[in-house]
PDB file of all heavy atoms in Angstrom:
ATOM      1  N   THR A   1       0.838  -1.203   0.021  1.00  0.00           N
ATOM      2  CA  THR A   1       0.008   0.018   0.011  1.00  0.00           C
ATOM      3  C   THR A   1       0.902   1.288   0.005  1.00  0.00           C
ATOM      4  O   THR A   1       0.554   2.246  -0.704  1.00  0.00           O
ATOM      5  CB  THR A   1      -0.922   0.021   1.224  1.00  0.00           C
ATOM      6  OG1 THR A   1      -1.747  -1.182   1.189  1.00  0.00           O
ATOM      7  CG2 THR A   1      -1.848   1.222   1.193  1.00  0.00           C
ATOM      8  N   GLU A   2       1.928   1.220   0.763  1.00  0.00           N
ATOM      9  CA  GLU A   2       2.845   2.393   0.792  1.00  0.00           C
ATOM     10  C   GLU A   2       3.485   2.623  -0.556  1.00  0.00           C
ATOM     11  O   GLU A   2       3.608   3.776  -1.010  1.00  0.00           O
ATOM     12  CB  GLU A   2       3.864   2.170   1.884  1.00  0.00           C
ATOM     13  CG  GLU A   2       4.832   3.368   2.011  1.00  0.00           C
ATOM     14  CD  GLU A   2       5.919   3.132   3.088  1.00  0.00           C
ATOM     15  OE1 GLU A   2       5.865   2.113   3.679  1.00  0.00           O
ATOM     16  OE2 GLU A   2       6.751   4.063   3.276  1.00  0.00           O
ATOM     17  N   ALA A   3       3.933   1.570  -1.204  1.00  0.00           N
ATOM     18  CA  ALA A   3       4.526   1.731  -2.541  1.00  0.00           C
ATOM     19  C   ALA A   3       3.493   2.282  -3.538  1.00  0.00           C
ATOM     20  O   ALA A   3       3.792   3.097  -4.373  1.00  0.00           O
ATOM     21  CB  ALA A   3       4.992   0.376  -3.014  1.00  0.00           C
ATOM     22  N   ALA A   4       2.277   1.772  -3.453  1.00  0.00           N
ATOM     23  CA  ALA A   4       1.206   2.338  -4.398  1.00  0.00           C
ATOM     24  C   ALA A   4       0.912   3.778  -4.049  1.00  0.00           C
ATOM     25  O   ALA A   4       0.653   4.591  -4.987  1.00  0.00           O
ATOM     26  CB  ALA A   4      -0.089   1.517  -4.254  1.00  0.00           C
ATOM     27  N   ARG A   5       0.936   4.161  -2.772  1.00  0.00           N
ATOM     28  CA  ARG A   5       0.688   5.545  -2.453  1.00  0.00           C
ATOM     29  C   ARG A   5       1.817   6.493  -2.988  1.00  0.00           C
ATOM     30  O   ARG A   5       1.573   7.610  -3.419  1.00  0.00           O
ATOM     31  CB  ARG A   5       0.574   5.710  -0.949  1.00  0.00           C
ATOM     32  CG  ARG A   5       0.153   7.095  -0.489  1.00  0.00           C
ATOM     33  CD  ARG A   5      -0.074   7.124   1.035  1.00  0.00           C
ATOM     34  NE  ARG A   5      -1.298   6.412   1.437  1.00  0.00           N
ATOM     35  CZ  ARG A   5      -1.207   5.203   2.049  1.00  0.00           C
ATOM     36  NH1 ARG A   5      -0.069   4.708   2.412  1.00  0.00           N
ATOM     37  NH2 ARG A   5      -2.348   4.577   2.342  1.00  0.00           N
ATOM     38  N   LYS A   6       3.064   5.989  -2.880  1.00  0.00           N
ATOM     39  CA  LYS A   6       4.189   6.775  -3.398  1.00  0.00           C
ATOM     40  C   LYS A   6       4.053   6.939  -4.907  1.00  0.00           C
ATOM     41  O   LYS A   6       4.321   8.002  -5.458  1.00  0.00           O
ATOM     42  CB  LYS A   6       5.488   6.094  -3.111  1.00  0.00           C
ATOM     43  CG  LYS A   6       5.782   6.045  -1.561  1.00  0.00           C
ATOM     44  CD  LYS A   6       5.895   7.418  -1.000  1.00  0.00           C
ATOM     45  CE  LYS A   6       6.210   7.367   0.473  1.00  0.00           C
ATOM     46  NZ  LYS A   6       6.296   8.666   1.169  1.00  0.00           N
ATOM     47  N   LEU A   7       3.605   5.891  -5.614  1.00  0.00           N
ATOM     48  CA  LEU A   7       3.482   5.945  -7.057  1.00  0.00           C
ATOM     49  C   LEU A   7       2.293   6.905  -7.399  1.00  0.00           C
ATOM     50  O   LEU A   7       2.365   7.607  -8.479  1.00  0.00           O
ATOM     51  CB  LEU A   7       3.168   4.570  -7.712  1.00  0.00           C
ATOM     52  CG  LEU A   7       4.413   3.629  -7.528  1.00  0.00           C
ATOM     53  CD1 LEU A   7       4.003   2.292  -8.102  1.00  0.00           C
ATOM     54  CD2 LEU A   7       5.615   4.192  -8.264  1.00  0.00           C
ATOM     55  N   ALA A   8       1.279   6.964  -6.555  1.00  0.00           N
ATOM     56  CA  ALA A   8       0.230   7.965  -6.797  1.00  0.00           C
ATOM     57  C   ALA A   8       0.715   9.377  -6.673  1.00  0.00           C
ATOM     58  O   ALA A   8       0.359  10.266  -7.426  1.00  0.00           O
ATOM     59  CB  ALA A   8      -0.997   7.690  -5.829  1.00  0.00           C
ATOM     60  N   ASP A   9       1.613   9.583  -5.669  1.00  0.00           N
ATOM     61  CA  ASP A   9       2.232  10.891  -5.536  1.00  0.00           C
ATOM     62  C   ASP A   9       3.114  11.239  -6.743  1.00  0.00           C
ATOM     63  O   ASP A   9       3.143  12.398  -7.178  1.00  0.00           O
ATOM     64  CB  ASP A   9       3.008  10.919  -4.228  1.00  0.00           C
ATOM     65  CG  ASP A   9       2.160  10.863  -3.045  1.00  0.00           C
ATOM     66  OD1 ASP A   9       0.989  11.183  -3.094  1.00  0.00           O
ATOM     67  OD2 ASP A   9       2.716  10.489  -1.959  1.00  0.00           O
ATOM     68  N   VAL A  10       3.748  10.240  -7.327  1.00  0.00           N
ATOM     69  CA  VAL A  10       4.545  10.462  -8.547  1.00  0.00           C
ATOM     70  C   VAL A  10       3.668  10.892  -9.687  1.00  0.00           C
ATOM     71  O   VAL A  10       3.971  11.823 -10.468  1.00  0.00           O
ATOM     72  CB  VAL A  10       5.258   9.163  -8.966  1.00  0.00           C
ATOM     73  CG1 VAL A  10       5.929   9.338 -10.321  1.00  0.00           C
ATOM     74  CG2 VAL A  10       6.391   8.798  -7.940  1.00  0.00           C
ATOM     75  N   ALA A  11       2.412  10.275  -9.808  1.00  0.00           N
ATOM     76  CA  ALA A  11       1.491  10.696 -10.838  1.00  0.00           C
ATOM     77  C   ALA A  11       1.011  12.118 -10.583  1.00  0.00           C
ATOM     78  O   ALA A  11       0.766  12.894 -11.525  1.00  0.00           O
ATOM     79  CB  ALA A  11       0.342   9.712 -10.878  1.00  0.00           C
ATOM     80  N   LEU A  12       0.846  12.506  -9.353  1.00  0.00           N
ATOM     81  CA  LEU A  12       0.428  13.854  -8.978  1.00  0.00           C
ATOM     82  C   LEU A  12       1.496  14.883  -9.393  1.00  0.00           C
ATOM     83  O   LEU A  12       1.179  15.963  -9.979  1.00  0.00           O
ATOM     84  CB  LEU A  12       0.069  13.980  -7.534  1.00  0.00           C
ATOM     85  CG  LEU A  12      -0.377  15.348  -7.055  1.00  0.00           C
ATOM     86  CD1 LEU A  12      -1.647  15.764  -7.718  1.00  0.00           C
ATOM     87  CD2 LEU A  12      -0.551  15.326  -5.505  1.00  0.00           C
ATOM     88  N   GLU A  13       2.724  14.515  -9.127  1.00  0.00           N
ATOM     89  CA  GLU A  13       3.846  15.341  -9.541  1.00  0.00           C
ATOM     90  C   GLU A  13       3.925  15.481 -11.065  1.00  0.00           C
ATOM     91  O   GLU A  13       4.354  16.485 -11.624  1.00  0.00           O
ATOM     92  CB  GLU A  13       5.173  14.900  -8.995  1.00  0.00           C
ATOM     93  CG  GLU A  13       5.223  14.990  -7.458  1.00  0.00           C
ATOM     94  CD  GLU A  13       5.138  16.329  -6.960  1.00  0.00           C
ATOM     95  OE1 GLU A  13       5.470  17.309  -7.717  1.00  0.00           O
ATOM     96  OE2 GLU A  13       4.746  16.575  -5.786  1.00  0.00           O
ATOM     97  N   ASP A  14       3.592  14.388 -11.738  1.00  0.00           N
ATOM     98  CA  ASP A  14       3.566  14.417 -13.194  1.00  0.00           C
ATOM     99  C   ASP A  14       2.529  15.479 -13.705  1.00  0.00           C
ATOM    100  O   ASP A  14       2.708  16.035 -14.757  1.00  0.00           O
ATOM    101  CB  ASP A  14       3.274  13.042 -13.733  1.00  0.00           C
ATOM    102  CG  ASP A  14       3.663  12.866 -15.231  1.00  0.00           C
ATOM    103  OD1 ASP A  14       4.607  13.514 -15.605  1.00  0.00           O
ATOM    104  OD2 ASP A  14       2.959  12.097 -15.928  1.00  0.00           O
ATOM    105  N   THR A  15       1.467  15.534 -13.017  1.00  0.00           N
ATOM    106  CA  THR A  15       0.400  16.551 -13.397  1.00  0.00           C
ATOM    107  C   THR A  15       1.042  17.969 -13.302  1.00  0.00           C
ATOM    108  O   THR A  15       0.859  18.840 -14.164  1.00  0.00           O
ATOM    109  CB  THR A  15      -0.772  16.465 -12.480  1.00  0.00           C
ATOM    110  OG1 THR A  15      -1.355  15.130 -12.601  1.00  0.00           O
ATOM    111  CG2 THR A  15      -1.840  17.492 -12.833  1.00  0.00           C
ATOM    112  N   GLU A  16       1.722  18.274 -12.216  1.00  0.00           N
ATOM    113  CA  GLU A  16       2.339  19.579 -12.031  1.00  0.00           C
ATOM    114  C   GLU A  16       3.447  19.789 -13.113  1.00  0.00           C
ATOM    115  O   GLU A  16       3.617  20.847 -13.633  1.00  0.00           O
ATOM    116  CB  GLU A  16       2.943  19.712 -10.655  1.00  0.00           C
ATOM    117  CG  GLU A  16       3.802  20.972 -10.371  1.00  0.00           C
ATOM    118  CD  GLU A  16       2.887  22.198 -10.568  1.00  0.00           C
ATOM    119  OE1 GLU A  16       1.663  22.151 -10.474  1.00  0.00           O
ATOM    120  OE2 GLU A  16       3.505  23.289 -10.855  1.00  0.00           O
ATOM    121  N   LEU A  17       4.170  18.727 -13.403  1.00  0.00           N
ATOM    122  CA  LEU A  17       5.230  18.775 -14.515  1.00  0.00           C
ATOM    123  C   LEU A  17       4.584  19.196 -15.837  1.00  0.00           C
ATOM    124  O   LEU A  17       5.109  20.018 -16.543  1.00  0.00           O
ATOM    125  CB  LEU A  17       5.949  17.459 -14.612  1.00  0.00           C
ATOM    126  CG  LEU A  17       6.925  17.320 -15.777  1.00  0.00           C
ATOM    127  CD1 LEU A  17       8.024  18.377 -15.643  1.00  0.00           C
ATOM    128  CD2 LEU A  17       7.470  15.950 -15.784  1.00  0.00           C
ATOM    129  N   GLN A  18       3.458  18.585 -16.121  1.00  0.00           N
ATOM    130  CA  GLN A  18       2.760  18.894 -17.433  1.00  0.00           C
ATOM    131  C   GLN A  18       2.305  20.380 -17.420  1.00  0.00           C
ATOM    132  O   GLN A  18       2.375  21.057 -18.406  1.00  0.00           O
ATOM    133  CB  GLN A  18       1.601  17.944 -17.668  1.00  0.00           C
ATOM    134  CG  GLN A  18       0.979  18.029 -18.987  1.00  0.00           C
ATOM    135  CD  GLN A  18       1.928  17.683 -20.111  1.00  0.00           C
ATOM    136  OE1 GLN A  18       2.696  16.732 -19.977  1.00  0.00           O
ATOM    137  NE2 GLN A  18       1.817  18.427 -21.203  1.00  0.00           N
ATOM    138  N   ARG A  19       1.811  20.857 -16.287  1.00  0.00           N
ATOM    139  CA  ARG A  19       1.411  22.259 -16.144  1.00  0.00           C
ATOM    140  C   ARG A  19       2.620  23.216 -16.450  1.00  0.00           C
ATOM    141  O   ARG A  19       2.460  24.167 -17.162  1.00  0.00           O
ATOM    142  CB  ARG A  19       0.806  22.547 -14.818  1.00  0.00           C
ATOM    143  CG  ARG A  19      -0.562  21.920 -14.538  1.00  0.00           C
ATOM    144  CD  ARG A  19      -1.191  22.498 -13.318  1.00  0.00           C
ATOM    145  NE  ARG A  19      -2.533  21.975 -13.042  1.00  0.00           N
ATOM    146  CZ  ARG A  19      -2.797  21.014 -12.209  1.00  0.00           C
ATOM    147  NH1 ARG A  19      -1.859  20.441 -11.492  1.00  0.00           N
ATOM    148  NH2 ARG A  19      -4.055  20.564 -12.073  1.00  0.00           N
ATOM    149  N   GLN A  20       3.742  22.848 -15.843  1.00  0.00           N
ATOM    150  CA  GLN A  20       4.879  23.724 -16.094  1.00  0.00           C
ATOM    151  C   GLN A  20       5.383  23.678 -17.527  1.00  0.00           C
ATOM    152  O   GLN A  20       5.776  24.665 -18.098  1.00  0.00           O
ATOM    153  CB  GLN A  20       6.053  23.307 -15.153  1.00  0.00           C
ATOM    154  CG  GLN A  20       5.735  23.526 -13.661  1.00  0.00           C
ATOM    155  CD  GLN A  20       6.884  23.271 -12.761  1.00  0.00           C
ATOM    156  OE1 GLN A  20       7.958  22.961 -13.195  1.00  0.00           O
ATOM    157  NE2 GLN A  20       6.619  23.215 -11.428  1.00  0.00           N
ATOM    158  N   LEU A  21       5.355  22.493 -18.175  1.00  0.00           N
ATOM    159  CA  LEU A  21       5.733  22.414 -19.533  1.00  0.00           C
ATOM    160  C   LEU A  21       4.777  23.165 -20.488  1.00  0.00           C
ATOM    161  O   LEU A  21       5.190  23.857 -21.400  1.00  0.00           O
ATOM    162  CB  LEU A  21       5.767  20.920 -19.937  1.00  0.00           C
ATOM    163  CG  LEU A  21       6.919  20.075 -19.275  1.00  0.00           C
ATOM    164  CD1 LEU A  21       6.798  18.597 -19.715  1.00  0.00           C
ATOM    165  CD2 LEU A  21       8.243  20.597 -19.686  1.00  0.00           C
ATOM    166  N   VAL A  22       3.505  23.077 -20.203  1.00  0.00           N
ATOM    167  CA  VAL A  22       2.493  23.793 -21.022  1.00  0.00           C
ATOM    168  C   VAL A  22       2.708  25.304 -20.805  1.00  0.00           C
ATOM    169  O   VAL A  22       2.664  26.085 -21.770  1.00  0.00           O
ATOM    170  CB  VAL A  22       1.081  23.398 -20.594  1.00  0.00           C
ATOM    171  CG1 VAL A  22       0.045  24.335 -21.160  1.00  0.00           C
ATOM    172  CG2 VAL A  22       0.780  21.987 -21.077  1.00  0.00           C
ATOM    173  N   THR A  23       2.998  25.763 -19.614  1.00  0.00           N
ATOM    174  CA  THR A  23       3.213  27.186 -19.308  1.00  0.00           C
ATOM    175  C   THR A  23       4.447  27.680 -20.134  1.00  0.00           C
ATOM    176  O   THR A  23       4.396  28.739 -20.681  1.00  0.00           O
ATOM    177  CB  THR A  23       3.434  27.415 -17.840  1.00  0.00           C
ATOM    178  OG1 THR A  23       2.236  26.992 -17.124  1.00  0.00           O
ATOM    179  CG2 THR A  23       3.701  28.884 -17.534  1.00  0.00           C
ATOM    180  N   GLN A  24       5.546  26.889 -20.130  1.00  0.00           N
ATOM    181  CA  GLN A  24       6.699  27.300 -20.828  1.00  0.00           C
ATOM    182  C   GLN A  24       6.443  27.319 -22.324  1.00  0.00           C
ATOM    183  O   GLN A  24       6.797  28.301 -23.021  1.00  0.00           O
ATOM    184  CB  GLN A  24       7.861  26.351 -20.558  1.00  0.00           C
ATOM    185  CG  GLN A  24       9.102  26.661 -21.304  1.00  0.00           C
ATOM    186  CD  GLN A  24      10.134  25.582 -21.160  1.00  0.00           C
ATOM    187  OE1 GLN A  24       9.990  24.571 -20.474  1.00  0.00           O
ATOM    188  NE2 GLN A  24      11.296  25.690 -21.863  1.00  0.00           N
ATOM    189  N   THR A  25       5.745  26.409 -22.863  1.00  0.00           N
ATOM    190  CA  THR A  25       5.417  26.411 -24.265  1.00  0.00           C
ATOM    191  C   THR A  25       4.570  27.590 -24.668  1.00  0.00           C
ATOM    192  O   THR A  25       4.754  28.208 -25.715  1.00  0.00           O
ATOM    193  CB  THR A  25       4.709  25.087 -24.705  1.00  0.00           C
ATOM    194  OG1 THR A  25       5.518  23.990 -24.287  1.00  0.00           O
ATOM    195  CG2 THR A  25       4.451  25.038 -26.161  1.00  0.00           C
ATOM    196  N   VAL A  26       3.604  27.942 -23.787  1.00  0.00           N
ATOM    197  CA  VAL A  26       2.681  29.088 -24.113  1.00  0.00           C
ATOM    198  C   VAL A  26       3.579  30.405 -24.091  1.00  0.00           C
ATOM    199  O   VAL A  26       3.425  31.259 -24.986  1.00  0.00           O
ATOM    200  CB  VAL A  26       1.560  29.178 -23.044  1.00  0.00           C
ATOM    201  CG1 VAL A  26       0.828  30.450 -23.204  1.00  0.00           C
ATOM    202  CG2 VAL A  26       0.590  27.961 -23.288  1.00  0.00           C
ATOM    203  N   LYS A  27       4.375  30.541 -23.080  1.00  0.00           N
ATOM    204  CA  LYS A  27       5.222  31.734 -23.010  1.00  0.00           C
ATOM    205  C   LYS A  27       6.131  31.889 -24.243  1.00  0.00           C
ATOM    206  O   LYS A  27       6.289  32.965 -24.801  1.00  0.00           O
ATOM    207  CB  LYS A  27       6.039  31.738 -21.705  1.00  0.00           C
ATOM    208  CG  LYS A  27       5.210  31.934 -20.458  1.00  0.00           C
ATOM    209  CD  LYS A  27       6.136  31.906 -19.249  1.00  0.00           C
ATOM    210  CE  LYS A  27       5.317  32.108 -17.955  1.00  0.00           C
ATOM    211  NZ  LYS A  27       6.177  32.103 -16.752  1.00  0.00           N
ATOM    212  N   GLU A  28       6.747  30.792 -24.645  1.00  0.00           N
ATOM    213  CA  GLU A  28       7.666  30.827 -25.798  1.00  0.00           C
ATOM    214  C   GLU A  28       6.886  31.150 -27.066  1.00  0.00           C
ATOM    215  O   GLU A  28       7.324  31.951 -27.872  1.00  0.00           O
ATOM    216  CB  GLU A  28       8.397  29.574 -25.915  1.00  0.00           C
ATOM    217  CG  GLU A  28       9.479  29.385 -24.795  1.00  0.00           C
ATOM    218  CD  GLU A  28      10.307  28.153 -24.984  1.00  0.00           C
ATOM    219  OE1 GLU A  28      10.235  27.532 -26.084  1.00  0.00           O
ATOM    220  OE2 GLU A  28      11.060  27.749 -24.092  1.00  0.00           O
ATOM    221  N   SER A  29       5.748  30.473 -27.280  1.00  0.00           N
ATOM    222  CA  SER A  29       4.920  30.686 -28.467  1.00  0.00           C
ATOM    223  C   SER A  29       4.469  32.132 -28.451  1.00  0.00           C
ATOM    224  O   SER A  29       4.360  32.823 -29.557  1.00  0.00           O
ATOM    225  CB  SER A  29       3.822  29.753 -28.514  1.00  0.00           C
ATOM    226  OG  SER A  29       4.244  28.427 -28.609  1.00  0.00           O
ATOM    227  N   TYR A  30       4.026  32.687 -27.361  1.00  0.00           N
ATOM    228  CA  TYR A  30       3.573  34.085 -27.228  1.00  0.00           C
ATOM    229  C   TYR A  30       4.683  34.997 -27.602  1.00  0.00           C
ATOM    230  O   TYR A  30       4.452  35.959 -28.366  1.00  0.00           O
ATOM    231  CB  TYR A  30       3.135  34.323 -25.745  1.00  0.00           C
ATOM    232  CG  TYR A  30       2.431  35.582 -25.529  1.00  0.00           C
ATOM    233  CD1 TYR A  30       1.030  35.581 -25.410  1.00  0.00           C
ATOM    234  CD2 TYR A  30       3.016  36.787 -25.366  1.00  0.00           C
ATOM    235  CE1 TYR A  30       0.290  36.735 -25.092  1.00  0.00           C
ATOM    236  CE2 TYR A  30       2.388  37.971 -25.083  1.00  0.00           C
ATOM    237  CZ  TYR A  30       0.964  37.959 -24.959  1.00  0.00           C
ATOM    238  OH  TYR A  30       0.309  39.120 -24.731  1.00  0.00           O
ATOM    239  N   THR A  31       5.911  34.757 -27.163  1.00  0.00           N
ATOM    240  CA  THR A  31       7.059  35.604 -27.522  1.00  0.00           C
ATOM    241  C   THR A  31       7.386  35.473 -29.036  1.00  0.00           C
ATOM    242  O   THR A  31       7.713  36.477 -29.653  1.00  0.00           O
ATOM    243  CB  THR A  31       8.241  35.276 -26.677  1.00  0.00           C
ATOM    244  OG1 THR A  31       7.896  35.454 -25.295  1.00  0.00           O
ATOM    245  CG2 THR A  31       9.422  36.116 -26.980  1.00  0.00           C
ATOM    246  N   ASN A  32       7.295  34.257 -29.548  1.00  0.00           N
ATOM    247  CA  ASN A  32       7.553  34.093 -30.966  1.00  0.00           C
ATOM    248  C   ASN A  32       6.648  34.872 -31.871  1.00  0.00           C
ATOM    249  O   ASN A  32       7.055  35.347 -32.920  1.00  0.00           O
ATOM    250  CB  ASN A  32       7.526  32.575 -31.298  1.00  0.00           C
ATOM    251  CG  ASN A  32       8.721  31.852 -30.704  1.00  0.00           C
ATOM    252  OD1 ASN A  32       9.824  32.450 -30.476  1.00  0.00           O
ATOM    253  ND2 ASN A  32       8.560  30.588 -30.406  1.00  0.00           N
ATOM    254  N   ILE A  33       5.355  34.979 -31.419  1.00  0.00           N
ATOM    255  CA  ILE A  33       4.443  35.778 -32.233  1.00  0.00           C
ATOM    256  C   ILE A  33       4.890  37.296 -32.231  1.00  0.00           C
ATOM    257  O   ILE A  33       4.935  37.894 -33.336  1.00  0.00           O
ATOM    258  CB  ILE A  33       3.044  35.688 -31.662  1.00  0.00           C
ATOM    259  CG1 ILE A  33       2.440  34.264 -31.888  1.00  0.00           C
ATOM    260  CG2 ILE A  33       2.076  36.684 -32.334  1.00  0.00           C
ATOM    261  CD1 ILE A  33       1.091  34.078 -31.321  1.00  0.00           C
ATOM    262  N   ASN A  34       5.255  37.750 -31.110  1.00  0.00           N
ATOM    263  CA  ASN A  34       5.697  39.205 -31.062  1.00  0.00           C
ATOM    264  C   ASN A  34       6.982  39.414 -31.773  1.00  0.00           C
ATOM    265  O   ASN A  34       7.214  40.392 -32.400  1.00  0.00           O
ATOM    266  CB  ASN A  34       5.821  39.610 -29.608  1.00  0.00           C
ATOM    267  CG  ASN A  34       4.462  39.860 -28.885  1.00  0.00           C
ATOM    268  OD1 ASN A  34       3.625  40.588 -29.471  1.00  0.00           O
ATOM    269  ND2 ASN A  34       4.271  39.322 -27.724  1.00  0.00           N
ATOM    270  N   PHE A  35       7.849  38.411 -31.730  1.00  0.00           N
ATOM    271  CA  PHE A  35       9.123  38.471 -32.471  1.00  0.00           C
ATOM    272  C   PHE A  35       8.816  38.514 -33.991  1.00  0.00           C
ATOM    273  O   PHE A  35       9.414  39.278 -34.752  1.00  0.00           O
ATOM    274  CB  PHE A  35      10.020  37.269 -32.154  1.00  0.00           C
ATOM    275  CG  PHE A  35      11.250  37.181 -32.962  1.00  0.00           C
ATOM    276  CD1 PHE A  35      12.095  38.249 -33.062  1.00  0.00           C
ATOM    277  CD2 PHE A  35      11.587  36.043 -33.620  1.00  0.00           C
ATOM    278  CE1 PHE A  35      13.281  38.136 -33.749  1.00  0.00           C
ATOM    279  CE2 PHE A  35      12.715  35.903 -34.338  1.00  0.00           C
ATOM    280  CZ  PHE A  35      13.613  36.992 -34.433  1.00  0.00           C
ATOM    281  N   ALA A  36       7.920  37.661 -34.412  1.00  0.00           N
ATOM    282  CA  ALA A  36       7.522  37.653 -35.822  1.00  0.00           C
ATOM    283  C   ALA A  36       6.916  38.923 -36.302  1.00  0.00           C
ATOM    284  O   ALA A  36       7.144  39.474 -37.359  1.00  0.00           O
ATOM    285  CB  ALA A  36       6.636  36.445 -36.141  1.00  0.00           C
ATOM    286  N   VAL A  37       6.042  39.531 -35.436  1.00  0.00           N
ATOM    287  CA  VAL A  37       5.454  40.785 -35.710  1.00  0.00           C
ATOM    288  C   VAL A  37       6.530  41.838 -35.819  1.00  0.00           C
ATOM    289  O   VAL A  37       6.454  42.763 -36.703  1.00  0.00           O
ATOM    290  CB  VAL A  37       4.432  41.173 -34.648  1.00  0.00           C
ATOM    291  CG1 VAL A  37       3.893  42.578 -34.819  1.00  0.00           C
ATOM    292  CG2 VAL A  37       3.255  40.171 -34.712  1.00  0.00           C
ATOM    293  N   ARG A  38       7.506  41.866 -34.876  1.00  0.00           N
ATOM    294  CA  ARG A  38       8.570  42.831 -34.953  1.00  0.00           C
ATOM    295  C   ARG A  38       9.403  42.666 -36.275  1.00  0.00           C
ATOM    296  O   ARG A  38       9.783  43.629 -36.853  1.00  0.00           O
ATOM    297  CB  ARG A  38       9.469  42.693 -33.752  1.00  0.00           C
ATOM    298  CG  ARG A  38      10.555  43.706 -33.569  1.00  0.00           C
ATOM    299  CD  ARG A  38       9.940  45.106 -33.264  1.00  0.00           C
ATOM    300  NE  ARG A  38       9.271  45.057 -31.998  1.00  0.00           N
ATOM    301  CZ  ARG A  38       9.797  45.328 -30.838  1.00  0.00           C
ATOM    302  NH1 ARG A  38      11.080  45.589 -30.755  1.00  0.00           N
ATOM    303  NH2 ARG A  38       9.016  45.298 -29.785  1.00  0.00           N
ATOM    304  N   LEU A  39       9.637  41.460 -36.709  1.00  0.00           N
ATOM    305  CA  LEU A  39      10.338  41.194 -37.931  1.00  0.00           C
ATOM    306  C   LEU A  39       9.535  41.675 -39.128  1.00  0.00           C
ATOM    307  O   LEU A  39      10.107  42.170 -40.116  1.00  0.00           O
ATOM    308  CB  LEU A  39      10.718  39.726 -38.090  1.00  0.00           C
ATOM    309  CG  LEU A  39      11.786  39.187 -37.123  1.00  0.00           C
ATOM    310  CD1 LEU A  39      12.086  37.749 -37.525  1.00  0.00           C
ATOM    311  CD2 LEU A  39      13.023  40.011 -37.245  1.00  0.00           C
ATOM    312  N   ILE A  40       8.224  41.516 -39.088  1.00  0.00           N
ATOM    313  CA  ILE A  40       7.408  42.048 -40.187  1.00  0.00           C
ATOM    314  C   ILE A  40       7.522  43.575 -40.256  1.00  0.00           C
ATOM    315  O   ILE A  40       7.665  44.096 -41.361  1.00  0.00           O
ATOM    316  CB  ILE A  40       5.923  41.636 -39.952  1.00  0.00           C
ATOM    317  CG1 ILE A  40       5.709  40.141 -40.122  1.00  0.00           C
ATOM    318  CG2 ILE A  40       5.011  42.436 -40.865  1.00  0.00           C
ATOM    319  CD1 ILE A  40       4.345  39.662 -39.772  1.00  0.00           C
ATOM    320  N   GLN A  41       7.547  44.243 -39.140  1.00  0.00           N
ATOM    321  CA  GLN A  41       7.686  45.673 -39.198  1.00  0.00           C
ATOM    322  C   GLN A  41       9.086  46.053 -39.716  1.00  0.00           C
ATOM    323  O   GLN A  41       9.173  47.038 -40.523  1.00  0.00           O
ATOM    324  CB  GLN A  41       7.531  46.244 -37.784  1.00  0.00           C
ATOM    325  CG  GLN A  41       6.125  46.005 -37.173  1.00  0.00           C
ATOM    326  CD  GLN A  41       6.007  46.411 -35.724  1.00  0.00           C
ATOM    327  OE1 GLN A  41       7.005  46.797 -35.099  1.00  0.00           O
ATOM    328  NE2 GLN A  41       4.803  46.401 -35.156  1.00  0.00           N
ATOM    329  N   VAL A  42      10.099  45.373 -39.269  1.00  0.00           N
ATOM    330  CA  VAL A  42      11.468  45.703 -39.751  1.00  0.00           C
ATOM    331  C   VAL A  42      11.586  45.431 -41.255  1.00  0.00           C
ATOM    332  O   VAL A  42      12.113  46.315 -41.950  1.00  0.00           O
ATOM    333  CB  VAL A  42      12.490  44.841 -38.974  1.00  0.00           C
ATOM    334  CG1 VAL A  42      13.891  44.951 -39.588  1.00  0.00           C
ATOM    335  CG2 VAL A  42      12.547  45.286 -37.495  1.00  0.00           C
ATOM    336  N   ASN A  43      11.083  44.306 -41.749  1.00  0.00           N
ATOM    337  CA  ASN A  43      11.156  44.057 -43.154  1.00  0.00           C
ATOM    338  C   ASN A  43      10.253  44.930 -43.989  1.00  0.00           C
ATOM    339  O   ASN A  43      10.566  45.236 -45.109  1.00  0.00           O
ATOM    340  CB  ASN A  43      10.853  42.563 -43.416  1.00  0.00           C
ATOM    341  CG  ASN A  43      11.960  41.657 -42.893  1.00  0.00           C
ATOM    342  OD1 ASN A  43      12.997  41.524 -43.521  1.00  0.00           O
ATOM    343  ND2 ASN A  43      11.712  41.004 -41.741  1.00  0.00           N
ATOM    344  N   GLN A  44       9.107  45.318 -43.367  1.00  0.00           N
ATOM    345  CA  GLN A  44       8.257  46.246 -44.138  1.00  0.00           C
ATOM    346  C   GLN A  44       8.966  47.590 -44.341  1.00  0.00           C
ATOM    347  O   GLN A  44       8.944  48.197 -45.401  1.00  0.00           O
ATOM    348  CB  GLN A  44       7.001  46.487 -43.334  1.00  0.00           C
ATOM    349  CG  GLN A  44       5.939  47.374 -44.056  1.00  0.00           C
ATOM    350  CD  GLN A  44       5.461  46.800 -45.357  1.00  0.00           C
ATOM    351  OE1 GLN A  44       5.036  45.620 -45.432  1.00  0.00           O
ATOM    352  NE2 GLN A  44       5.424  47.573 -46.395  1.00  0.00           N
TER     353      GLN A  44
END
């Protein structure tokens, strides 16, 4: 039972890990849009 409980906690940490990865991807994609917009202005 203790081993199963620890593995459940591992799955819970995996949920937080996925949240952090999604947050990082959103921030980078958000910045990439603004970077592309800035390049459009420069090239225009």
